[in-house]
Amino acid sequence: TNSVTLYFERERKWLGVLVEANEAKHRMSLAKNRQCHMWNFRIVFDDEARHFSEDSIKTQQLFDMINRTSIDLLSLNLHGQELDLLKAIDFVRYHIRVVTIELQSDVSSETYQEIKETLESQGYGVAHHVVNSFQGKKDVIFEKL
């Protein structure tokens, strides 16, 4: 499968939450008969609160909706806003085992380093890099040490 979350759902039997801001992609996910909870809204961060709309949710509200403090997998594909989300997570309250981040292959080394340092400061280490040259992206998988 081309989806990190779908792999863990089908192969590892992990259940989770899929938040997709793009309505067409959300409908495609629904058609795949996924077992995870699927929501169609956009995550906004504190500095974006003034642009908050009906189809948006703040990071803390998302974690409150999940209503769990132990999370197996957090898979991020936020098109450049990964660091914003990571900085908004209360890592003391939420114990996340694995974090995957999809990055474009041309992501700057500074951005990658800042993401890596942010997660390392929370006790994570890089477990794998999965490069997909055809699609021009790479997934970086971090595990809690």
Protein backbone atom coordinates (compact mmCIF):
# COMPACT_ATOMS: atom_id res chain seq x y z
CA THR A 1 0.00 0.00 0.00
CA ASN A 2 1.05 3.60 -0.55
CA SER A 3 -0.32 4.66 2.82
CA VAL A 4 1.68 4.38 6.03
CA THR A 5 -1.47 4.37 8.16
CA LEU A 6 -3.26 1.82 5.97
CA TYR A 7 -0.26 -0.51 6.27
CA PHE A 8 -0.32 -0.36 10.08
CA GLU A 9 -4.10 -0.72 10.10
CA ARG A 10 -4.18 -3.80 7.86
CA GLU A 11 -0.88 -5.52 8.65
CA ARG A 12 -0.43 -4.70 12.34
CA LYS A 13 -4.14 -4.35 13.23
CA TRP A 14 -3.53 -0.93 14.79
CA LEU A 15 -6.56 1.32 15.07
CA GLY A 16 -6.28 5.03 14.79
CA VAL A 17 -7.55 8.34 13.56
CA LEU A 18 -7.20 9.81 10.08
CA VAL A 19 -7.63 13.55 9.68
CA GLU A 20 -7.79 14.64 6.06
CA ALA A 21 -8.41 18.29 5.16
CA ASN A 22 -8.93 17.56 1.46
CA GLU A 23 -12.55 16.48 0.96
CA ALA A 24 -11.85 14.43 -2.19
CA LYS A 25 -9.05 12.49 -0.47
CA HIS A 26 -11.29 12.01 2.55
CA ARG A 27 -13.98 10.44 0.32
CA MET A 28 -11.34 8.16 -1.27
CA SER A 29 -10.30 6.99 2.20
CA LEU A 30 -13.91 6.29 3.12
CA ALA A 31 -14.25 4.15 -0.02
CA LYS A 32 -11.36 1.93 1.15
CA ASN A 33 -13.48 0.66 4.06
CA ARG A 34 -10.92 1.77 6.62
CA GLN A 35 -11.30 0.69 10.23
CA CYS A 36 -9.87 3.89 11.72
CA HIS A 37 -11.87 6.94 12.75
CA MET A 38 -11.85 9.39 9.82
CA TRP A 39 -12.48 13.10 10.10
CA ASN A 40 -12.59 15.74 7.39
CA PHE A 41 -11.20 18.97 8.81
CA ARG A 42 -8.08 21.08 8.91
CA ILE A 43 -5.78 21.30 11.91
CA VAL A 44 -4.90 24.85 12.89
CA PHE A 45 -2.23 26.03 15.29
CA ASP A 46 -2.33 28.78 17.89
CA ASP A 47 -0.98 31.44 15.55
CA GLU A 48 -3.66 30.54 12.99
CA ALA A 49 -6.57 30.80 15.43
CA ARG A 50 -7.76 34.03 13.84
CA HIS A 51 -8.41 32.04 10.62
CA PHE A 52 -10.33 29.36 12.52
CA SER A 53 -13.33 28.17 10.51
CA GLU A 54 -16.10 25.61 10.85
CA ASP A 55 -14.06 22.90 9.11
CA SER A 56 -10.99 23.50 11.29
CA ILE A 57 -9.88 22.15 14.63
CA LYS A 58 -7.09 23.15 16.99
CA THR A 59 -4.37 20.63 17.84
CA GLN A 60 -5.41 20.25 21.48
CA GLN A 61 -9.04 19.72 20.45
CA LEU A 62 -7.95 16.87 18.18
CA PHE A 63 -6.10 15.12 20.98
CA ASP A 64 -9.07 15.69 23.32
CA MET A 65 -11.38 14.07 20.73
CA ILE A 66 -9.11 11.04 20.48
CA ASN A 67 -9.48 10.75 24.26
CA ARG A 68 -6.38 8.58 24.71
CA THR A 69 -3.03 9.38 26.24
CA SER A 70 -1.29 6.30 24.83
CA ILE A 71 -0.95 6.41 21.03
CA ASP A 72 0.81 3.77 18.93
CA LEU A 73 1.34 5.80 15.76
CA LEU A 74 1.23 9.45 14.79
CA SER A 75 1.68 9.77 11.04
CA LEU A 76 2.12 13.31 9.73
CA ASN A 77 1.76 14.55 6.17
CA LEU A 78 1.11 18.24 6.70
CA HIS A 79 2.88 19.74 3.69
CA GLY A 80 5.34 21.83 5.64
CA GLN A 81 3.47 22.27 8.92
CA GLU A 82 4.85 19.18 10.67
CA LEU A 83 7.03 21.21 12.99
CA ASP A 84 4.06 23.39 14.03
CA LEU A 85 2.11 20.30 15.06
CA LEU A 86 5.06 18.70 16.85
CA LYS A 87 5.58 21.87 18.88
CA ALA A 88 1.88 21.92 19.83
CA ILE A 89 1.84 18.37 21.25
CA ASP A 90 1.99 17.91 25.00
CA PHE A 91 4.49 15.02 25.04
CA VAL A 92 4.22 14.77 28.83
CA ARG A 93 0.49 14.05 28.62
CA TYR A 94 0.52 12.00 25.40
CA HIS A 95 2.76 8.98 25.05
CA ILE A 96 3.29 8.31 21.35
CA ARG A 97 5.25 5.18 20.44
CA VAL A 98 6.02 5.87 16.76
CA VAL A 99 5.95 9.12 14.76
CA THR A 100 6.21 9.03 10.97
CA ILE A 101 6.66 12.19 8.96
CA GLU A 102 6.27 12.38 5.20
CA LEU A 103 8.63 14.97 3.75
CA GLN A 104 9.19 16.08 0.20
CA SER A 105 12.58 14.86 -1.00
CA ASP A 106 13.71 18.47 -1.49
CA VAL A 107 13.03 19.47 2.14
CA SER A 108 15.79 21.72 3.42
CA SER A 109 18.39 20.20 5.70
CA GLU A 110 17.59 22.95 8.23
CA THR A 111 13.91 21.96 8.36
CA TYR A 112 14.76 18.27 8.65
CA GLN A 113 17.29 19.01 11.41
CA GLU A 114 14.78 21.11 13.36
CA ILE A 115 12.16 18.33 13.16
CA LYS A 116 14.76 15.77 14.24
CA GLU A 117 15.97 17.92 17.16
CA THR A 118 12.41 18.60 18.30
CA LEU A 119 11.64 14.88 18.47
CA GLU A 120 15.03 14.00 19.98
CA SER A 121 14.34 16.49 22.78
CA GLN A 122 11.21 14.46 23.53
CA GLY A 123 13.09 11.14 23.67
CA TYR A 124 12.73 9.92 20.08
CA GLY A 125 15.34 8.62 17.69
CA VAL A 126 15.32 8.03 13.94
CA ALA A 127 14.48 4.37 13.30
CA HIS A 128 14.17 4.35 9.48
CA HIS A 129 14.19 6.47 6.36
CA VAL A 130 11.94 5.24 3.56
CA VAL A 131 12.70 7.04 0.30
CA ASN A 132 10.28 6.98 -2.63
CA SER A 133 12.20 8.65 -5.46
CA PHE A 134 9.35 8.09 -7.91
CA GLN A 135 6.95 10.17 -5.81
CA GLY A 136 9.64 12.61 -4.65
CA LYS A 137 9.11 12.02 -0.96
CA LYS A 138 10.58 10.28 2.02
CA ASP A 139 9.10 9.02 5.24
CA VAL A 140 11.14 9.42 8.39
CA ILE A 141 10.14 7.05 11.18
CA PHE A 142 10.93 8.06 14.75
CA GLU A 143 10.57 5.69 17.70
CA LYS A 144 10.40 6.50 21.39
CA LEU A 145 13.68 5.36 22.96
